[in-house]
Amino acid sequence: MQEIKASEAQAHLPRILDAVKRGETFVITRDGRAVARLVPEAQRREAEIDRVIAELGELRRRAGKIAPAELLAARHAGHRY
């Protein structure tokens, strides 16, 4: 979430709307206080979440099962003890 002054929001609205379309959230401030919040449209966010969940499910199916020892080894890979 990014904070932006109302004057900056007015001057850069097309750029801000593009960022909101990509999923970012903006809080618009005036005199240092939040007055508005720009968030992605709810249905669009839900569709994006559903798409990502489906992609993760497909990735899990392709990756197959991982043994607990292998998972722990990957978790600690690169750690120095």
PDB file of N, CA and C in Angstrom:
ATOM      1  N   MET A   1       0.842  -1.169   0.000  1.00  0.00           N
ATOM      2  CA  MET A   1       0.000   0.000   0.000  1.00  0.00           C
ATOM      3  C   MET A   1       0.891   1.236   0.000  1.00  0.00           C
ATOM      4  N   GLN A   2       0.552   2.172  -0.849  1.00  0.00           N
ATOM      5  CA  GLN A   2       1.337   3.388  -0.973  1.00  0.00           C
ATOM      6  C   GLN A   2       0.490   4.590  -0.570  1.00  0.00           C
ATOM      7  N   GLU A   3       1.123   5.545   0.065  1.00  0.00           N
ATOM      8  CA  GLU A   3       0.452   6.808   0.371  1.00  0.00           C
ATOM      9  C   GLU A   3       0.848   7.831  -0.680  1.00  0.00           C
ATOM     10  N   ILE A   4      -0.120   8.649  -1.081  1.00  0.00           N
ATOM     11  CA  ILE A   4       0.150   9.676  -2.073  1.00  0.00           C
ATOM     12  C   ILE A   4      -0.685  10.910  -1.731  1.00  0.00           C
ATOM     13  N   LYS A   5      -0.090  12.069  -1.877  1.00  0.00           N
ATOM     14  CA  LYS A   5      -0.805  13.311  -1.616  1.00  0.00           C
ATOM     15  C   LYS A   5      -1.878  13.517  -2.679  1.00  0.00           C
ATOM     16  N   ALA A   6      -2.962  14.186  -2.285  1.00  0.00           N
ATOM     17  CA  ALA A   6      -4.073  14.425  -3.207  1.00  0.00           C
ATOM     18  C   ALA A   6      -3.607  15.171  -4.456  1.00  0.00           C
ATOM     19  N   SER A   7      -2.722  16.131  -4.286  1.00  0.00           N
ATOM     20  CA  SER A   7      -2.239  16.885  -5.449  1.00  0.00           C
ATOM     21  C   SER A   7      -1.454  15.994  -6.400  1.00  0.00           C
ATOM     22  N   GLU A   8      -0.661  15.075  -5.858  1.00  0.00           N
ATOM     23  CA  GLU A   8       0.088  14.137  -6.701  1.00  0.00           C
ATOM     24  C   GLU A   8      -0.855  13.162  -7.383  1.00  0.00           C
ATOM     25  N   ALA A   9      -1.881  12.709  -6.657  1.00  0.00           N
ATOM     26  CA  ALA A   9      -2.853  11.789  -7.237  1.00  0.00           C
ATOM     27  C   ALA A   9      -3.562  12.439  -8.415  1.00  0.00           C
ATOM     28  N   GLN A  10      -3.897  13.694  -8.269  1.00  0.00           N
ATOM     29  CA  GLN A  10      -4.577  14.409  -9.344  1.00  0.00           C
ATOM     30  C   GLN A  10      -3.666  14.545 -10.564  1.00  0.00           C
ATOM     31  N   ALA A  11      -2.402  14.822 -10.314  1.00  0.00           N
ATOM     32  CA  ALA A  11      -1.462  15.025 -11.416  1.00  0.00           C
ATOM     33  C   ALA A  11      -1.089  13.724 -12.129  1.00  0.00           C
ATOM     34  N   HIS A  12      -1.145  12.610 -11.413  1.00  0.00           N
ATOM     35  CA  HIS A  12      -0.663  11.334 -11.964  1.00  0.00           C
ATOM     36  C   HIS A  12      -1.750  10.262 -11.995  1.00  0.00           C
ATOM     37  N   LEU A  13      -3.005  10.654 -12.101  1.00  0.00           N
ATOM     38  CA  LEU A  13      -4.097   9.692 -12.025  1.00  0.00           C
ATOM     39  C   LEU A  13      -3.983   8.545 -13.030  1.00  0.00           C
ATOM     40  N   PRO A  14      -3.665   8.772 -14.300  1.00  0.00           N
ATOM     41  CA  PRO A  14      -3.566   7.624 -15.219  1.00  0.00           C
ATOM     42  C   PRO A  14      -2.534   6.578 -14.762  1.00  0.00           C
ATOM     43  N   ARG A  15      -1.373   7.032 -14.292  1.00  0.00           N
ATOM     44  CA  ARG A  15      -0.339   6.106 -13.807  1.00  0.00           C
ATOM     45  C   ARG A  15      -0.817   5.354 -12.572  1.00  0.00           C
ATOM     46  N   ILE A  16      -1.505   6.058 -11.676  1.00  0.00           N
ATOM     47  CA  ILE A  16      -2.008   5.438 -10.448  1.00  0.00           C
ATOM     48  C   ILE A  16      -3.070   4.397 -10.785  1.00  0.00           C
ATOM     49  N   LEU A  17      -3.967   4.722 -11.708  1.00  0.00           N
ATOM     50  CA  LEU A  17      -5.002   3.761 -12.097  1.00  0.00           C
ATOM     51  C   LEU A  17      -4.402   2.522 -12.738  1.00  0.00           C
ATOM     52  N   ASP A  18      -3.346   2.680 -13.518  1.00  0.00           N
ATOM     53  CA  ASP A  18      -2.659   1.511 -14.080  1.00  0.00           C
ATOM     54  C   ASP A  18      -2.109   0.624 -12.971  1.00  0.00           C
ATOM     55  N   ALA A  19      -1.529   1.247 -11.950  1.00  0.00           N
ATOM     56  CA  ALA A  19      -0.985   0.484 -10.819  1.00  0.00           C
ATOM     57  C   ALA A  19      -2.100  -0.217 -10.050  1.00  0.00           C
ATOM     58  N   VAL A  20      -3.224   0.455  -9.852  1.00  0.00           N
ATOM     59  CA  VAL A  20      -4.363  -0.165  -9.167  1.00  0.00           C
ATOM     60  C   VAL A  20      -4.876  -1.344  -9.981  1.00  0.00           C
ATOM     61  N   LYS A  21      -4.900  -1.196 -11.279  1.00  0.00           N
ATOM     62  CA  LYS A  21      -5.333  -2.288 -12.164  1.00  0.00           C
ATOM     63  C   LYS A  21      -4.441  -3.512 -11.997  1.00  0.00           C
ATOM     64  N   ARG A  22      -3.154  -3.276 -11.708  1.00  0.00           N
ATOM     65  CA  ARG A  22      -2.203  -4.379 -11.484  1.00  0.00           C
ATOM     66  C   ARG A  22      -2.300  -4.947 -10.070  1.00  0.00           C
ATOM     67  N   GLY A  23      -3.157  -4.359  -9.219  1.00  0.00           N
ATOM     68  CA  GLY A  23      -3.357  -4.923  -7.888  1.00  0.00           C
ATOM     69  C   GLY A  23      -2.848  -4.076  -6.741  1.00  0.00           C
ATOM     70  N   GLU A  24      -2.249  -2.930  -7.012  1.00  0.00           N
ATOM     71  CA  GLU A  24      -1.731  -2.091  -5.938  1.00  0.00           C
ATOM     72  C   GLU A  24      -2.860  -1.288  -5.293  1.00  0.00           C
ATOM     73  N   THR A  25      -2.635  -0.866  -4.057  1.00  0.00           N
ATOM     74  CA  THR A  25      -3.579  -0.044  -3.314  1.00  0.00           C
ATOM     75  C   THR A  25      -2.905   1.272  -2.955  1.00  0.00           C
ATOM     76  N   PHE A  26      -3.654   2.349  -3.040  1.00  0.00           N
ATOM     77  CA  PHE A  26      -3.140   3.677  -2.708  1.00  0.00           C
ATOM     78  C   PHE A  26      -4.033   4.326  -1.667  1.00  0.00           C
ATOM     79  N   VAL A  27      -3.410   5.003  -0.711  1.00  0.00           N
ATOM     80  CA  VAL A  27      -4.132   5.840   0.233  1.00  0.00           C
ATOM     81  C   VAL A  27      -3.832   7.279  -0.153  1.00  0.00           C
ATOM     82  N   ILE A  28      -4.874   8.051  -0.415  1.00  0.00           N
ATOM     83  CA  ILE A  28      -4.711   9.451  -0.798  1.00  0.00           C
ATOM     84  C   ILE A  28      -4.839  10.295   0.460  1.00  0.00           C
ATOM     85  N   THR A  29      -3.870  11.179   0.657  1.00  0.00           N
ATOM     86  CA  THR A  29      -3.856  12.005   1.862  1.00  0.00           C
ATOM     87  C   THR A  29      -4.027  13.478   1.508  1.00  0.00           C
ATOM     88  N   ARG A  30      -4.561  14.194   2.459  1.00  0.00           N
ATOM     89  CA  ARG A  30      -4.661  15.648   2.359  1.00  0.00           C
ATOM     90  C   ARG A  30      -4.291  16.197   3.735  1.00  0.00           C
ATOM     91  N   ASP A  31      -3.361  17.102   3.761  1.00  0.00           N
ATOM     92  CA  ASP A  31      -2.860  17.673   5.022  1.00  0.00           C
ATOM     93  C   ASP A  31      -2.373  16.580   5.974  1.00  0.00           C
ATOM     94  N   GLY A  32      -1.778  15.530   5.407  1.00  0.00           N
ATOM     95  CA  GLY A  32      -1.197  14.463   6.205  1.00  0.00           C
ATOM     96  C   GLY A  32      -2.186  13.438   6.730  1.00  0.00           C
ATOM     97  N   ARG A  33      -3.472  13.586   6.393  1.00  0.00           N
ATOM     98  CA  ARG A  33      -4.480  12.623   6.871  1.00  0.00           C
ATOM     99  C   ARG A  33      -5.091  11.874   5.697  1.00  0.00           C
ATOM    100  N   ALA A  34      -5.326  10.593   5.897  1.00  0.00           N
ATOM    101  CA  ALA A  34      -5.933   9.768   4.849  1.00  0.00           C
ATOM    102  C   ALA A  34      -7.354  10.240   4.579  1.00  0.00           C
ATOM    103  N   VAL A  35      -7.670  10.431   3.299  1.00  0.00           N
ATOM    104  CA  VAL A  35      -9.024  10.847   2.924  1.00  0.00           C
ATOM    105  C   VAL A  35      -9.694   9.864   1.969  1.00  0.00           C
ATOM    106  N   ALA A  36      -8.910   9.023   1.317  1.00  0.00           N
ATOM    107  CA  ALA A  36      -9.490   8.066   0.372  1.00  0.00           C
ATOM    108  C   ALA A  36      -8.529   6.909   0.163  1.00  0.00           C
ATOM    109  N   ARG A  37      -9.083   5.816  -0.329  1.00  0.00           N
ATOM    110  CA  ARG A  37      -8.283   4.629  -0.636  1.00  0.00           C
ATOM    111  C   ARG A  37      -8.697   4.134  -2.019  1.00  0.00           C
ATOM    112  N   LEU A  38      -7.717   3.920  -2.890  1.00  0.00           N
ATOM    113  CA  LEU A  38      -7.965   3.344  -4.211  1.00  0.00           C
ATOM    114  C   LEU A  38      -7.527   1.882  -4.159  1.00  0.00           C
ATOM    115  N   VAL A  39      -8.465   0.992  -4.406  1.00  0.00           N
ATOM    116  CA  VAL A  39      -8.174  -0.443  -4.383  1.00  0.00           C
ATOM    117  C   VAL A  39      -8.684  -1.071  -5.670  1.00  0.00           C
ATOM    118  N   PRO A  40      -8.093  -2.190  -6.078  1.00  0.00           N
ATOM    119  CA  PRO A  40      -8.585  -2.876  -7.275  1.00  0.00           C
ATOM    120  C   PRO A  40     -10.053  -3.283  -7.098  1.00  0.00           C
ATOM    121  N   GLU A  41     -10.760  -3.314  -8.176  1.00  0.00           N
ATOM    122  CA  GLU A  41     -12.163  -3.703  -8.164  1.00  0.00           C
ATOM    123  C   GLU A  41     -12.274  -5.130  -7.628  1.00  0.00           C
ATOM    124  N   ALA A  42     -13.230  -5.377  -6.738  1.00  0.00           N
ATOM    125  CA  ALA A  42     -13.324  -6.644  -6.000  1.00  0.00           C
ATOM    126  C   ALA A  42     -13.421  -7.862  -6.906  1.00  0.00           C
ATOM    127  N   GLN A  43     -14.276  -7.835  -7.924  1.00  0.00           N
ATOM    128  CA  GLN A  43     -14.432  -9.009  -8.786  1.00  0.00           C
ATOM    129  C   GLN A  43     -13.147  -9.317  -9.530  1.00  0.00           C
ATOM    130  N   ARG A  44     -12.443  -8.280  -9.943  1.00  0.00           N
ATOM    131  CA  ARG A  44     -11.178  -8.487 -10.641  1.00  0.00           C
ATOM    132  C   ARG A  44     -10.168  -9.148  -9.705  1.00  0.00           C
ATOM    133  N   ARG A  45     -10.113  -8.701  -8.460  1.00  0.00           N
ATOM    134  CA  ARG A  45      -9.199  -9.299  -7.492  1.00  0.00           C
ATOM    135  C   ARG A  45      -9.562 -10.753  -7.235  1.00  0.00           C
ATOM    136  N   GLU A  46     -10.858 -11.035  -7.098  1.00  0.00           N
ATOM    137  CA  GLU A  46     -11.285 -12.407  -6.865  1.00  0.00           C
ATOM    138  C   GLU A  46     -10.916 -13.296  -8.045  1.00  0.00           C
ATOM    139  N   ALA A  47     -11.077 -12.807  -9.250  1.00  0.00           N
ATOM    140  CA  ALA A  47     -10.713 -13.587 -10.441  1.00  0.00           C
ATOM    141  C   ALA A  47      -9.212 -13.856 -10.456  1.00  0.00           C
ATOM    142  N   GLU A  48      -8.408 -12.853 -10.088  1.00  0.00           N
ATOM    143  CA  GLU A  48      -6.957 -13.029 -10.043  1.00  0.00           C
ATOM    144  C   GLU A  48      -6.572 -14.048  -8.968  1.00  0.00           C
ATOM    145  N   ILE A  49      -7.206 -13.965  -7.814  1.00  0.00           N
ATOM    146  CA  ILE A  49      -6.931 -14.918  -6.735  1.00  0.00           C
ATOM    147  C   ILE A  49      -7.297 -16.327  -7.182  1.00  0.00           C
ATOM    148  N   ASP A  50      -8.459 -16.482  -7.801  1.00  0.00           N
ATOM    149  CA  ASP A  50      -8.875 -17.802  -8.295  1.00  0.00           C
ATOM    150  C   ASP A  50      -7.876 -18.344  -9.316  1.00  0.00           C
ATOM    151  N   ARG A  51      -7.384 -17.480 -10.200  1.00  0.00           N
ATOM    152  CA  ARG A  51      -6.411 -17.914 -11.212  1.00  0.00           C
ATOM    153  C   ARG A  51      -5.125 -18.389 -10.553  1.00  0.00           C
ATOM    154  N   VAL A  52      -4.639 -17.646  -9.568  1.00  0.00           N
ATOM    155  CA  VAL A  52      -3.391 -18.014  -8.892  1.00  0.00           C
ATOM    156  C   VAL A  52      -3.568 -19.319  -8.115  1.00  0.00           C
ATOM    157  N   ILE A  53      -4.702 -19.493  -7.463  1.00  0.00           N
ATOM    158  CA  ILE A  53      -4.960 -20.742  -6.737  1.00  0.00           C
ATOM    159  C   ILE A  53      -4.952 -21.922  -7.700  1.00  0.00           C
ATOM    160  N   ALA A  54      -5.579 -21.756  -8.858  1.00  0.00           N
ATOM    161  CA  ALA A  54      -5.591 -22.830  -9.857  1.00  0.00           C
ATOM    162  C   ALA A  54      -4.175 -23.136 -10.340  1.00  0.00           C
ATOM    163  N   GLU A  55      -3.370 -22.093 -10.560  1.00  0.00           N
ATOM    164  CA  GLU A  55      -1.984 -22.299 -10.989  1.00  0.00           C
ATOM    165  C   GLU A  55      -1.182 -23.029  -9.916  1.00  0.00           C
ATOM    166  N   LEU A  56      -1.387 -22.682  -8.662  1.00  0.00           N
ATOM    167  CA  LEU A  56      -0.682 -23.379  -7.575  1.00  0.00           C
ATOM    168  C   LEU A  56      -1.096 -24.839  -7.497  1.00  0.00           C
ATOM    169  N   GLY A  57      -2.384 -25.106  -7.692  1.00  0.00           N
ATOM    170  CA  GLY A  57      -2.856 -26.489  -7.693  1.00  0.00           C
ATOM    171  C   GLY A  57      -2.215 -27.296  -8.807  1.00  0.00           C
ATOM    172  N   GLU A  58      -2.118 -26.691  -9.989  1.00  0.00           N
ATOM    173  CA  GLU A  58      -1.472 -27.377 -11.116  1.00  0.00           C
ATOM    174  C   GLU A  58       0.006 -27.618 -10.830  1.00  0.00           C
ATOM    175  N   LEU A  59       0.670 -26.658 -10.243  1.00  0.00           N
ATOM    176  CA  LEU A  59       2.076 -26.812  -9.877  1.00  0.00           C
ATOM    177  C   LEU A  59       2.252 -27.956  -8.888  1.00  0.00           C
ATOM    178  N   ARG A  60       1.363 -28.046  -7.908  1.00  0.00           N
ATOM    179  CA  ARG A  60       1.446 -29.149  -6.928  1.00  0.00           C
ATOM    180  C   ARG A  60       1.262 -30.499  -7.611  1.00  0.00           C
ATOM    181  N   ARG A  61       0.325 -30.556  -8.559  1.00  0.00           N
ATOM    182  CA  ARG A  61       0.095 -31.833  -9.263  1.00  0.00           C
ATOM    183  C   ARG A  61       1.324 -32.238 -10.083  1.00  0.00           C
ATOM    184  N   ARG A  62       1.954 -31.252 -10.741  1.00  0.00           N
ATOM    185  CA  ARG A  62       3.130 -31.555 -11.564  1.00  0.00           C
ATOM    186  C   ARG A  62       4.349 -31.901 -10.712  1.00  0.00           C
ATOM    187  N   ALA A  63       4.492 -31.253  -9.572  1.00  0.00           N
ATOM    188  CA  ALA A  63       5.669 -31.459  -8.730  1.00  0.00           C
ATOM    189  C   ALA A  63       5.630 -32.799  -8.012  1.00  0.00           C
ATOM    190  N   GLY A  64       4.453 -33.328  -7.771  1.00  0.00           N
ATOM    191  CA  GLY A  64       4.344 -34.587  -7.058  1.00  0.00           C
ATOM    192  C   GLY A  64       4.620 -34.408  -5.577  1.00  0.00           C
ATOM    193  N   LYS A  65       4.716 -35.519  -4.892  1.00  0.00           N
ATOM    194  CA  LYS A  65       4.920 -35.492  -3.442  1.00  0.00           C
ATOM    195  C   LYS A  65       6.396 -35.296  -3.116  1.00  0.00           C
ATOM    196  N   ILE A  66       6.629 -34.605  -2.036  1.00  0.00           N
ATOM    197  CA  ILE A  66       7.988 -34.368  -1.570  1.00  0.00           C
ATOM    198  C   ILE A  66       8.123 -35.003  -0.195  1.00  0.00           C
ATOM    199  N   ALA A  67       9.178 -35.782  -0.016  1.00  0.00           N
ATOM    200  CA  ALA A  67       9.431 -36.427   1.275  1.00  0.00           C
ATOM    201  C   ALA A  67       9.742 -35.358   2.315  1.00  0.00           C
ATOM    202  N   PRO A  68       9.309 -35.555   3.566  1.00  0.00           N
ATOM    203  CA  PRO A  68       9.585 -34.572   4.620  1.00  0.00           C
ATOM    204  C   PRO A  68      11.069 -34.233   4.755  1.00  0.00           C
ATOM    205  N   ALA A  69      11.932 -35.228   4.640  1.00  0.00           N
ATOM    206  CA  ALA A  69      13.369 -34.970   4.760  1.00  0.00           C
ATOM    207  C   ALA A  69      13.860 -34.064   3.640  1.00  0.00           C
ATOM    208  N   GLU A  70      13.336 -34.278   2.434  1.00  0.00           N
ATOM    209  CA  GLU A  70      13.715 -33.445   1.298  1.00  0.00           C
ATOM    210  C   GLU A  70      13.221 -32.007   1.485  1.00  0.00           C
ATOM    211  N   LEU A  71      12.016 -31.866   2.013  1.00  0.00           N
ATOM    212  CA  LEU A  71      11.459 -30.550   2.280  1.00  0.00           C
ATOM    213  C   LEU A  71      12.290 -29.809   3.323  1.00  0.00           C
ATOM    214  N   LEU A  72      12.663 -30.492   4.398  1.00  0.00           N
ATOM    215  CA  LEU A  72      13.487 -29.872   5.437  1.00  0.00           C
ATOM    216  C   LEU A  72      14.869 -29.513   4.904  1.00  0.00           C
ATOM    217  N   ALA A  73      15.424 -30.361   4.059  1.00  0.00           N
ATOM    218  CA  ALA A  73      16.744 -30.073   3.486  1.00  0.00           C
ATOM    219  C   ALA A  73      16.675 -28.814   2.614  1.00  0.00           C
ATOM    220  N   ALA A  74      15.612 -28.683   1.842  1.00  0.00           N
ATOM    221  CA  ALA A  74      15.456 -27.501   0.996  1.00  0.00           C
ATOM    222  C   ALA A  74      15.248 -26.250   1.844  1.00  0.00           C
ATOM    223  N   ARG A  75      14.531 -26.422   2.935  1.00  0.00           N
ATOM    224  CA  ARG A  75      14.269 -25.292   3.836  1.00  0.00           C
ATOM    225  C   ARG A  75      15.561 -24.765   4.429  1.00  0.00           C
ATOM    226  N   HIS A  76      16.484 -25.649   4.742  1.00  0.00           N
ATOM    227  CA  HIS A  76      17.728 -25.261   5.396  1.00  0.00           C
ATOM    228  C   HIS A  76      18.890 -25.097   4.421  1.00  0.00           C
ATOM    229  N   ALA A  77      18.631 -25.255   3.129  1.00  0.00           N
ATOM    230  CA  ALA A  77      19.711 -25.111   2.151  1.00  0.00           C
ATOM    231  C   ALA A  77      20.296 -23.712   2.230  1.00  0.00           C
ATOM    232  N   GLY A  78      21.595 -23.649   2.305  1.00  0.00           N
ATOM    233  CA  GLY A  78      22.271 -22.351   2.353  1.00  0.00           C
ATOM    234  C   GLY A  78      22.449 -21.790   3.743  1.00  0.00           C
ATOM    235  N   HIS A  79      21.826 -22.416   4.717  1.00  0.00           N
ATOM    236  CA  HIS A  79      22.012 -21.945   6.103  1.00  0.00           C
ATOM    237  C   HIS A  79      23.377 -22.365   6.614  1.00  0.00           C
ATOM    238  N   ARG A  80      23.972 -21.508   7.389  1.00  0.00           N
ATOM    239  CA  ARG A  80      25.240 -21.842   8.023  1.00  0.00           C
ATOM    240  C   ARG A  80      25.002 -22.001   9.512  1.00  0.00           C
ATOM    241  N   TYR A  81      25.455 -23.087  10.055  1.00  0.00           N
ATOM    242  CA  TYR A  81      25.231 -23.359  11.479  1.00  0.00           C
ATOM    243  C   TYR A  81      26.489 -23.170  12.255  1.00  0.00           C
TER     244      TYR A  81
END
